[in-house]
Each structure stands twice: as structure tokens, then as C-alpha cells.
Amino acid sequence: MAQPADPFDAGAGSILRQPKAVWATAGASVVAFMGIGLVDPILPSIAKGLDATTSQVSLLFTSYFLITAVAMLLTGFVSSRIGGRLTLLLGLAFVVVFAGLAGTSDTVGQLVGFRAGWGLGNALFVSTALAVIVGAAAGGSAAAILLYESALGLGMACGPLLGAVLGNISWRYPFFGTAALMAVGFLCITAFLKEQPRPARRTSVPDPLRALGHGGLASVATSAFFYNYTFFTVLAFTPFVLDMTPYRSGAVFFAWGVLLALFSVVVAPRMQRRFGSLRVLGGSLVLLAADVTVLGYGSPTAAVVCTVLSGAFIGVNNTVYTELALGVSDAPPDSVRGYPQRPVASAGYNFVRWFAAAAAPYFAPKIEEWTDLHVPFVVAAVTAALGAVVVLVRRNALTHEAAEREPSHATRDGVTVFAN
């Protein structure tokens, strides 16, 4: 079977030759993903400024991702009724308001609550942004997915850097900075993005849960759940272990984000073409498990190195999981093969995986309180390994699903190119 075209080729299908609407949406996506890692370098500063414990400050992630997970059940319901453009703008408006309010917080409870509202806006925006980019991008889904992953990687890299620079002045400034950048994104979407075609069938709230009855999607979501627990243990708990100034912590997570972006956009597609998606994903999850184990038990220098290195494995995993989830859902809802509709399946998948992102920041500091500093990373290593086990156990079903896809969405080396 023919290999997919290189999305970095300078031709019409290049990732670099896209409509203004796509670039506007991708640019706003960068800022949306910046908001995830923005608080990393300032977590100790927030704890000190608001006289809060590690567990209390970690709730900034838990409230954010818990609301994000639940909101995934509503995104399709909303966008299928008001359209993709208005859903994006609604999500951006929520982020602008609640990020700004977060900067005015006087207690950790207020900050956690405002982060929850921020999570609702982010859910509306991020889930819809992917569908908009895929629908509007030149060059098909391959270029669109890499553009989205580029936005994710760039946002993950720049978020800690912005948090460090502004947070060194005051822990409040990163929140105000995000609100301002998202307001710019709101204006760009308003100016450049036209209304997207609405689906023929409106989505109900239970539809994403029903979509998880699809075997391929349920397998991807289960594996991603375990992986995301590991991912967000690194992101939300490691800053307390490193115990650095905002600048130094920001530099560490900036390097982490650079590796994440490089491996998600450049390295992962090449590895998939050579080895196949399932082998790449399984191997990367095992290496991530080994990496976080060393992170937990190594010297301070080893902890820094392993934190940065984890970005490479996370970048690879993000891209493969994204392709897996989108590919499963790439057929119309009345398909005789039973594939769920893409936006609905994507919402179901995200509903499951973001619950792990909410759980990790809550349980990691609790586990440390119950045991010691090392055990949270042992748990994270186990969950990464469990993600690999799911891929191994379900490999026949996933490979069979990949073989049945249309050629344009089909396989690399006969193995999955399900998009996320």
C-alpha cells in the first residue's frame, strides 16, 4: 500500500500551506495548550502566596481536568446546535473571563474554582478546534493532525516559559497574560474563520458514552486513560519534587516541551512509517515507565534529565493516540461497520482520558503523604506499563480495524493510522 504523502512537502497539501482560518484556529490552540503547563513553574509560588499545601495547589489541575472531562459530553451537543465557530468563540470567552478571574484570587479555593471554569472553556475550544482544523486544512487529515500536534507541542513548551517569566514578577501575572492572549485568539477567530457546516444529525449528551461501546475506541480510550495518569503525574507533581525557582523550573519544562513538540511532529510520523503505530506506542509507553521510575528514585540531576526526556516519549504517545482515536471515528454514523461519528467518538475518548488527567494531580501528592516521595512515580510507571499492556492485548483487534480503513486513512506498515 502506498505510503502517505509527507505533510511537510512544500506542495498544496503541506502543513505549511494552510488557509488563514486554519492558522487562526491553530494559533489560538497554542495558547489553549499553554494554559495546561502555565502553572507548572509557579506551583510552589502559588502555595506560598496563598498559604496552601501541595495537595491543595494540585487541585488546580484536578478541577481543570475534571470539568474538562465532563464537558466533553457537552461539546458535541453544543457544537451540533450552534456550529463550530460559535462554539470556539464561546470556549475562548470562558477562558478569557476565568483566566482573568484566576489572577484576582485571594484564596486557593477561589483559584481552584476559577480554574474549573477555565477548564469548561478549554473543553469547548480544544475539542472543537481539532474538528475545525481537520475540516478546513489543506492536505487531508495527516497535515491537519500534525498541525494540531504542532500547536499542542508549542503550547506545552511555551506555557511553562511564560509562567516562569511572568510568575517571577507575581504568580498572578501568568493568568492575566493567558487571558490577554486568548482575547487576541478570539479576535483572530472572529476575523478569519467562517461558519463551519453543521452535522446532519444533532448530537445528544449520551452519544459519546454510547460510542465507547465500539471495541476499537474503547481500547484506545482505556490505554490513553492509563497513559494520561502518567503524563499528568509528571506535569503536575514533578515541580514540587524539583523544588526550583520559577525561572529554573520554567527552563526545565520548556526543554521538556521542546522535546514533546519535536517528537510529536517530526519523529513520531517517521517511526510509525518504519515500525508501525502499535509497536511505536507500546515501546514508547514502556520507555516512559522506565523513565519515570528513574525520575522518582534518581539524584536531583537525574530527576531533571528524566523530566526533560519524558517529553520525547509523551510527544510520540500524543501523536499516535491522536491518530488512533480519529481513525476509529472516521466513518459516517450509519456505517455498516459500526464506526461511530468522528466528533462523537472523539468526545467519548476525551471523556475517558481527561479523567486520568484529573486523577493524577490529586492522587500523586496524597500517595506521597501516605507513603513517601518515590511511590507516586512507581504508580505512574505502573500505569504507563498498563497502557502498553492494553495495546498488546488488543493489538489484533486494532490491527484488524486498521486494515479495514479507507486507503486515504489506512495503514502504515499494515498497522493502525487511527487519528485522534
Protein backbone atom coordinates (compact mmCIF):
# COMPACT_ATOMS: atom_id res chain seq x y z
CA MET A 1 0.00 0.00 0.00
CA ALA A 2 1.30 3.46 -0.83
CA GLN A 3 2.80 5.49 1.96
CA PRO A 4 1.05 8.73 2.92
CA ALA A 5 2.47 11.90 1.47
CA ASP A 6 4.92 13.91 3.55
CA PRO A 7 2.86 16.72 5.11
CA PHE A 8 5.98 18.89 5.26
CA ASP A 9 6.33 18.84 1.46
CA ALA A 10 6.02 22.35 0.01
CA GLY A 11 3.10 21.41 -2.23
CA ALA A 12 -0.59 22.19 -1.82
CA GLY A 13 -1.04 19.55 0.87
CA SER A 14 1.83 20.87 3.00
CA ILE A 15 1.29 21.58 6.68
CA LEU A 16 2.82 24.99 5.94
CA ARG A 17 0.32 25.98 3.23
CA GLN A 18 -2.98 26.35 5.04
CA PRO A 19 -5.93 28.79 4.92
CA LYS A 20 -5.96 31.74 7.31
CA ALA A 21 -8.83 30.15 9.22
CA VAL A 22 -6.67 27.13 10.00
CA TRP A 23 -3.76 29.27 11.19
CA ALA A 24 -6.08 31.38 13.35
CA THR A 25 -7.52 28.26 14.98
CA ALA A 26 -4.09 26.67 15.40
CA GLY A 27 -2.71 29.88 16.93
CA ALA A 28 -5.50 30.02 19.47
CA SER A 29 -4.89 26.32 20.17
CA VAL A 30 -1.27 27.11 21.07
CA VAL A 31 -2.48 29.50 23.76
CA ALA A 32 -5.10 27.00 24.95
CA PHE A 33 -2.41 24.35 25.45
CA MET A 34 -0.14 26.92 27.09
CA GLY A 35 -2.76 27.14 29.82
CA ILE A 36 -2.17 23.49 30.78
CA GLY A 37 1.50 23.87 31.70
CA LEU A 38 1.36 27.55 32.57
CA VAL A 39 1.10 26.97 36.31
CA ASP A 40 3.90 24.36 36.47
CA PRO A 41 6.80 26.66 37.38
CA ILE A 42 4.68 28.77 39.74
CA LEU A 43 3.02 25.99 41.75
CA PRO A 44 5.39 26.46 44.73
CA SER A 45 4.92 30.25 44.46
CA ILE A 46 1.14 29.87 44.47
CA ALA A 47 1.34 27.59 47.51
CA LYS A 48 3.46 30.18 49.32
CA GLY A 49 1.40 33.17 48.19
CA LEU A 50 -1.93 31.64 49.20
CA ASP A 51 -0.62 29.71 52.22
CA ALA A 52 -1.72 26.40 50.67
CA THR A 53 -0.45 22.83 50.84
CA THR A 54 0.86 20.78 47.92
CA SER A 55 -2.39 18.80 47.80
CA GLN A 56 -4.47 21.97 47.72
CA VAL A 57 -2.45 23.56 44.93
CA SER A 58 -2.55 20.33 42.90
CA LEU A 59 -6.32 20.77 42.78
CA LEU A 60 -5.65 23.49 40.17
CA PHE A 61 -5.09 20.63 37.75
CA THR A 62 -7.78 18.35 39.17
CA SER A 63 -10.60 20.90 38.95
CA TYR A 64 -9.46 21.97 35.49
CA PHE A 65 -9.36 18.48 34.01
CA LEU A 66 -12.36 17.09 35.87
CA ILE A 67 -14.56 19.82 34.39
CA THR A 68 -12.83 19.31 31.03
CA ALA A 69 -13.68 15.59 31.12
CA VAL A 70 -17.34 16.09 31.99
CA ALA A 71 -17.65 18.94 29.48
CA MET A 72 -16.58 16.57 26.71
CA LEU A 73 -20.07 15.09 26.90
CA LEU A 74 -21.49 18.53 26.15
CA THR A 75 -19.19 19.77 23.37
CA GLY A 76 -20.85 17.78 20.60
CA PHE A 77 -24.29 18.68 21.94
CA VAL A 78 -23.36 22.39 21.80
CA SER A 79 -21.42 22.47 18.52
CA SER A 80 -24.03 20.46 16.62
CA ARG A 81 -26.59 23.12 17.53
CA ILE A 82 -24.73 26.43 17.33
CA GLY A 83 -21.92 25.44 14.95
CA GLY A 84 -18.17 25.08 15.29
CA ARG A 85 -17.31 28.77 15.01
CA LEU A 86 -19.63 29.92 17.78
CA THR A 87 -18.52 27.01 19.97
CA LEU A 88 -14.88 28.06 19.57
CA LEU A 89 -15.74 31.65 20.42
CA LEU A 90 -17.81 30.59 23.43
CA GLY A 91 -14.93 28.49 24.73
CA LEU A 92 -12.45 31.32 24.22
CA ALA A 93 -14.74 33.74 26.03
CA PHE A 94 -14.94 31.40 29.04
CA VAL A 95 -11.12 31.11 29.14
CA VAL A 96 -10.64 34.87 28.92
CA VAL A 97 -13.07 35.52 31.77
CA PHE A 98 -11.98 32.74 34.13
CA ALA A 99 -8.23 33.07 33.48
CA GLY A 100 -8.56 36.76 34.31
CA LEU A 101 -10.56 35.99 37.45
CA ALA A 102 -7.97 33.39 38.50
CA GLY A 103 -5.38 36.15 38.68
CA THR A 104 -7.53 38.03 41.19
CA SER A 105 -7.93 35.10 43.61
CA ASP A 106 -7.37 35.68 47.33
CA THR A 107 -7.70 32.04 48.39
CA VAL A 108 -6.73 28.71 46.91
CA GLY A 109 -10.43 27.75 46.87
CA GLN A 110 -11.25 30.70 44.60
CA LEU A 111 -8.35 29.84 42.32
CA VAL A 112 -9.43 26.19 42.06
CA GLY A 113 -12.97 27.30 41.24
CA PHE A 114 -11.86 29.72 38.54
CA ARG A 115 -9.62 27.03 37.03
CA ALA A 116 -12.72 24.82 36.79
CA GLY A 117 -14.49 27.49 34.73
CA TRP A 118 -11.35 27.79 32.64
CA GLY A 119 -11.49 24.03 32.06
CA LEU A 120 -15.05 24.30 30.73
CA GLY A 121 -13.96 26.91 28.19
CA ASN A 122 -10.91 24.90 27.24
CA ALA A 123 -13.03 21.79 26.64
CA LEU A 124 -15.39 23.66 24.34
CA PHE A 125 -12.48 25.16 22.44
CA VAL A 126 -9.97 22.29 22.21
CA SER A 127 -12.41 19.55 21.19
CA THR A 128 -13.96 21.77 18.52
CA ALA A 129 -10.62 23.17 17.31
CA LEU A 130 -9.41 19.74 16.23
CA ALA A 131 -12.58 19.12 14.21
CA VAL A 132 -12.32 22.59 12.63
CA ILE A 133 -8.66 22.14 11.68
CA VAL A 134 -9.33 18.69 10.23
CA GLY A 135 -12.29 20.02 8.25
CA ALA A 136 -10.62 23.17 6.94
CA ALA A 137 -6.99 22.11 6.45
CA ALA A 138 -5.48 21.60 3.02
CA GLY A 139 -3.79 18.26 2.53
CA GLY A 140 -6.18 15.97 4.36
CA SER A 141 -6.17 14.64 7.90
CA ALA A 142 -2.43 13.85 8.06
CA ALA A 143 -1.42 17.50 7.67
CA ALA A 144 -4.24 18.62 9.97
CA ILE A 145 -3.26 16.22 12.74
CA LEU A 146 0.39 17.29 12.62
CA LEU A 147 -0.63 20.94 12.64
CA TYR A 148 -2.76 20.29 15.72
CA GLU A 149 0.06 18.36 17.39
CA SER A 150 2.44 21.22 16.50
CA ALA A 151 0.10 23.61 18.30
CA LEU A 152 -0.05 21.24 21.27
CA GLY A 153 3.73 20.87 21.43
CA LEU A 154 4.40 24.58 21.03
CA GLY A 155 1.81 25.42 23.67
CA MET A 156 3.21 22.84 26.08
CA ALA A 157 6.72 24.26 25.57
CA CYS A 158 5.81 27.94 25.82
CA GLY A 159 3.34 27.60 28.71
CA PRO A 160 5.98 26.91 31.40
CA LEU A 161 8.26 29.56 29.90
CA LEU A 162 5.53 32.21 30.02
CA GLY A 163 4.60 31.06 33.51
CA ALA A 164 8.21 31.42 34.65
CA VAL A 165 8.80 34.86 33.12
CA LEU A 166 5.55 36.40 34.33
CA GLY A 167 5.42 34.34 37.51
CA ASN A 168 8.80 35.61 38.61
CA ILE A 169 7.12 39.03 38.97
CA SER A 170 3.95 37.69 40.58
CA TRP A 171 2.15 34.36 40.45
CA ARG A 172 -0.93 36.32 39.29
CA TYR A 173 0.58 37.63 36.07
CA PRO A 174 0.59 34.35 34.08
CA PHE A 175 -3.19 34.18 34.46
CA PHE A 176 -3.63 37.74 33.23
CA GLY A 177 -1.24 37.03 30.35
CA THR A 178 -3.23 33.99 29.25
CA ALA A 179 -6.47 35.96 29.34
CA ALA A 180 -4.92 38.64 27.11
CA LEU A 181 -3.54 36.11 24.60
CA MET A 182 -6.86 34.27 24.40
CA ALA A 183 -8.61 37.58 23.76
CA VAL A 184 -6.31 38.01 20.75
CA GLY A 185 -7.25 34.47 19.66
CA PHE A 186 -10.92 35.39 20.00
CA LEU A 187 -10.40 38.35 17.62
CA CYS A 188 -8.49 36.20 15.10
CA ILE A 189 -11.19 33.50 15.06
CA THR A 190 -13.84 36.19 14.64
CA ALA A 191 -11.99 37.74 11.71
CA PHE A 192 -10.74 34.71 9.77
CA LEU A 193 -12.95 31.70 10.49
CA LYS A 194 -16.23 31.35 8.65
CA GLU A 195 -19.04 29.22 10.00
CA GLN A 196 -18.40 25.50 9.52
CA PRO A 197 -21.01 23.10 8.12
CA ARG A 198 -23.13 21.61 10.87
CA PRO A 199 -23.65 17.85 11.11
CA ALA A 200 -26.81 16.45 9.58
CA ARG A 201 -27.72 14.90 12.92
CA ARG A 202 -27.64 16.72 16.23
CA THR A 203 -25.61 15.08 18.97
CA SER A 204 -27.20 14.15 22.28
CA VAL A 205 -25.35 14.15 25.60
CA PRO A 206 -25.28 10.31 25.96
CA ASP A 207 -23.93 9.77 22.40
CA PRO A 208 -20.22 9.93 23.40
CA LEU A 209 -20.84 7.30 26.08
CA ARG A 210 -22.62 5.09 23.56
CA ALA A 211 -19.68 5.50 21.19
CA LEU A 212 -17.44 3.87 23.78
CA GLY A 213 -19.31 0.63 23.08
CA HIS A 214 -17.20 0.46 19.91
CA GLY A 215 -14.40 -2.00 20.67
CA GLY A 216 -11.60 -0.14 18.93
CA LEU A 217 -12.46 3.19 20.53
CA ALA A 218 -12.87 1.65 23.99
CA SER A 219 -9.43 0.05 23.68
CA VAL A 220 -7.77 3.32 22.65
CA ALA A 221 -9.54 5.22 25.43
CA THR A 222 -8.59 2.67 28.10
CA SER A 223 -4.93 2.69 27.11
CA ALA A 224 -4.95 6.51 26.94
CA PHE A 225 -6.52 6.66 30.41
CA PHE A 226 -3.56 4.82 31.96
CA TYR A 227 -1.07 6.84 29.90
CA ASN A 228 -2.59 10.17 30.87
CA TYR A 229 -2.25 9.33 34.55
CA THR A 230 1.49 9.01 33.97
CA PHE A 231 1.65 12.12 31.79
CA PHE A 232 -0.02 14.35 34.36
CA THR A 233 1.89 12.93 37.27
CA VAL A 234 4.99 14.23 35.51
CA LEU A 235 3.37 17.55 34.66
CA ALA A 236 1.62 18.34 37.95
CA PHE A 237 3.72 16.62 40.64
CA THR A 238 7.30 16.91 39.38
CA PRO A 239 7.60 20.70 40.03
CA PHE A 240 7.31 20.02 43.76
CA VAL A 241 9.99 17.34 43.52
CA LEU A 242 12.39 19.58 41.59
CA ASP A 243 11.77 22.41 44.09
CA MET A 244 13.29 25.11 41.85
CA THR A 245 12.79 28.81 41.32
CA PRO A 246 10.18 29.73 38.67
CA TYR A 247 12.92 30.52 36.13
CA ARG A 248 14.76 27.22 36.57
CA SER A 249 11.58 25.16 36.67
CA GLY A 250 10.29 27.01 33.62
CA ALA A 251 13.53 26.26 31.77
CA VAL A 252 13.27 22.55 32.60
CA PHE A 253 9.69 22.33 31.37
CA PHE A 254 10.46 24.46 28.33
CA ALA A 255 13.11 21.91 27.32
CA TRP A 256 10.56 19.18 28.09
CA GLY A 257 8.04 20.91 25.81
CA VAL A 258 10.56 21.34 23.00
CA LEU A 259 11.23 17.59 23.01
CA LEU A 260 7.48 16.94 23.16
CA ALA A 261 6.91 19.13 20.09
CA LEU A 262 9.85 17.72 18.15
CA PHE A 263 8.98 14.09 18.77
CA SER A 264 5.24 14.52 18.21
CA VAL A 265 5.57 16.35 14.89
CA VAL A 266 8.84 15.14 13.36
CA VAL A 267 9.97 11.89 14.96
CA ALA A 268 6.69 10.03 15.62
CA PRO A 269 5.43 10.01 11.99
CA ARG A 270 8.76 8.66 10.75
CA MET A 271 8.85 5.97 13.42
CA GLN A 272 5.27 4.98 12.58
CA ARG A 273 6.10 4.60 8.89
CA ARG A 274 9.04 2.37 9.73
CA PHE A 275 7.79 0.27 12.64
CA GLY A 276 4.00 0.64 12.69
CA SER A 277 1.89 2.62 15.14
CA LEU A 278 1.19 -0.10 17.69
CA ARG A 279 4.84 -1.11 18.06
CA VAL A 280 5.87 2.50 18.42
CA LEU A 281 3.18 3.20 21.01
CA GLY A 282 3.87 0.09 23.07
CA GLY A 283 7.62 0.66 23.07
CA SER A 284 7.27 4.33 23.96
CA LEU A 285 4.97 3.54 26.89
CA VAL A 286 7.46 1.01 28.28
CA LEU A 287 10.32 3.52 27.98
CA LEU A 288 8.18 6.17 29.68
CA ALA A 289 7.56 3.76 32.57
CA ALA A 290 11.31 3.24 32.97
CA ASP A 291 11.94 6.98 32.73
CA VAL A 292 9.51 7.99 35.49
CA THR A 293 10.90 5.24 37.74
CA VAL A 294 14.38 6.75 37.47
CA LEU A 295 12.84 10.21 37.92
CA GLY A 296 11.41 9.13 41.25
CA TYR A 297 14.48 7.35 42.60
CA GLY A 298 17.37 9.17 40.93
CA SER A 299 19.53 12.07 42.06
CA PRO A 300 18.34 15.67 41.59
CA THR A 301 20.31 15.83 38.33
CA ALA A 302 18.76 12.55 37.16
CA ALA A 303 15.31 13.91 38.04
CA VAL A 304 15.88 16.95 35.79
CA VAL A 305 17.22 14.83 32.92
CA CYS A 306 14.37 12.33 33.17
CA THR A 307 11.77 15.10 33.34
CA VAL A 308 13.10 16.61 30.12
CA LEU A 309 13.49 13.19 28.46
CA SER A 310 9.90 12.24 29.28
CA GLY A 311 8.83 14.93 26.81
CA ALA A 312 10.14 12.78 23.96
CA PHE A 313 8.05 9.75 24.95
CA ILE A 314 4.98 11.90 25.69
CA GLY A 315 5.31 13.57 22.27
CA VAL A 316 5.35 10.22 20.49
CA ASN A 317 2.43 8.92 22.52
CA ASN A 318 0.30 12.01 21.94
CA THR A 319 0.60 11.76 18.17
CA VAL A 320 -0.14 8.03 17.99
CA TYR A 321 -3.09 8.23 20.36
CA THR A 322 -4.47 11.16 18.35
CA GLU A 323 -4.31 9.17 15.14
CA LEU A 324 -5.79 6.10 16.78
CA ALA A 325 -8.82 7.96 18.14
CA LEU A 326 -9.60 9.91 14.96
CA GLY A 327 -9.16 6.90 12.72
CA VAL A 328 -11.61 4.82 14.73
CA SER A 329 -14.18 7.58 14.27
CA ASP A 330 -13.58 8.41 10.61
CA ALA A 331 -16.75 6.94 9.14
CA PRO A 332 -20.32 8.29 8.93
CA PRO A 333 -22.69 7.30 11.75
CA ASP A 334 -24.71 4.98 9.52
CA SER A 335 -21.64 2.95 8.50
CA VAL A 336 -22.43 -0.73 8.19
CA ARG A 337 -19.18 -1.48 10.00
CA GLY A 338 -20.48 0.37 13.04
CA TYR A 339 -17.84 3.07 13.35
CA PRO A 340 -19.12 5.99 15.43
CA GLN A 341 -19.19 9.51 14.03
CA ARG A 342 -15.82 11.28 14.44
CA PRO A 343 -16.83 14.20 16.75
CA VAL A 344 -18.92 11.88 18.92
CA ALA A 345 -16.18 9.26 19.20
CA SER A 346 -13.57 11.92 19.90
CA ALA A 347 -15.73 13.29 22.74
CA GLY A 348 -16.12 9.81 24.25
CA TYR A 349 -12.39 9.18 24.01
CA ASN A 350 -11.53 12.52 25.62
CA PHE A 351 -14.12 12.00 28.35
CA VAL A 352 -12.24 8.89 29.48
CA ARG A 353 -8.66 10.12 29.16
CA TRP A 354 -9.20 13.52 30.83
CA PHE A 355 -10.49 11.78 33.94
CA ALA A 356 -6.98 10.36 34.39
CA ALA A 357 -5.56 13.86 33.93
CA ALA A 358 -7.82 14.97 36.79
CA ALA A 359 -6.95 11.98 38.99
CA ALA A 360 -3.15 12.14 38.80
CA PRO A 361 -2.66 15.64 40.30
CA TYR A 362 -5.00 14.71 43.15
CA PHE A 363 -3.64 11.26 44.00
CA ALA A 364 0.10 11.85 43.47
CA PRO A 365 0.52 14.23 46.48
CA LYS A 366 -1.90 12.10 48.52
CA ILE A 367 0.19 9.00 47.81
CA GLU A 368 3.28 10.91 48.88
CA GLU A 369 1.58 11.85 52.17
CA TRP A 370 0.58 8.22 52.76
CA THR A 371 3.98 6.76 51.80
CA ASP A 372 7.00 8.74 50.56
CA LEU A 373 8.21 10.85 47.65
CA HIS A 374 9.14 7.88 45.45
CA VAL A 375 5.87 5.91 45.38
CA PRO A 376 3.84 8.35 43.22
CA PHE A 377 6.35 7.74 40.42
CA VAL A 378 6.15 3.98 40.90
CA VAL A 379 2.37 4.23 40.46
CA ALA A 380 2.94 6.37 37.34
CA ALA A 381 5.33 3.78 35.95
CA VAL A 382 2.76 1.04 36.54
CA THR A 383 0.01 2.96 34.75
CA ALA A 384 2.26 3.57 31.74
CA ALA A 385 3.01 -0.15 31.63
CA LEU A 386 -0.72 -0.92 31.88
CA GLY A 387 -1.29 1.32 28.85
CA ALA A 388 1.22 -0.79 26.94
CA VAL A 389 -0.49 -3.99 28.12
CA VAL A 390 -3.82 -2.79 26.71
CA VAL A 391 -2.15 -2.12 23.35
CA LEU A 392 -0.58 -5.59 23.42
CA VAL A 393 -3.76 -7.42 24.43
CA ARG A 394 -5.92 -5.54 21.91
CA ARG A 395 -3.36 -5.48 19.07
CA ASN A 396 -5.24 -7.97 16.90
CA ALA A 397 -8.47 -6.00 17.09
CA LEU A 398 -6.66 -2.71 16.46
CA THR A 399 -4.70 -4.10 13.53
CA HIS A 400 -7.90 -5.60 12.06
CA GLU A 401 -9.62 -2.26 12.38
CA ALA A 402 -6.71 -0.53 10.65
CA ALA A 403 -6.82 -2.92 7.74
CA GLU A 404 -10.47 -2.10 7.09
CA ARG A 405 -9.96 1.66 6.81
CA GLU A 406 -10.16 3.52 3.54
CA PRO A 407 -6.77 3.84 1.75
CA SER A 408 -6.60 7.59 2.42
CA HIS A 409 -6.83 6.95 6.15
CA ALA A 410 -5.42 3.50 6.04
CA THR A 411 -2.31 1.96 7.47
CA ARG A 412 1.38 2.40 7.93
CA ASP A 413 3.11 -0.94 7.54
CA GLY A 414 -0.27 -2.59 7.86
CA VAL A 415 -0.89 -1.17 11.31
CA THR A 416 -3.15 1.50 12.69
CA VAL A 417 -3.38 5.04 11.43
CA PHE A 418 -6.41 5.85 13.54
CA ALA A 419 -6.33 9.59 14.05
CA ASN A 420 -7.05 11.34 17.39
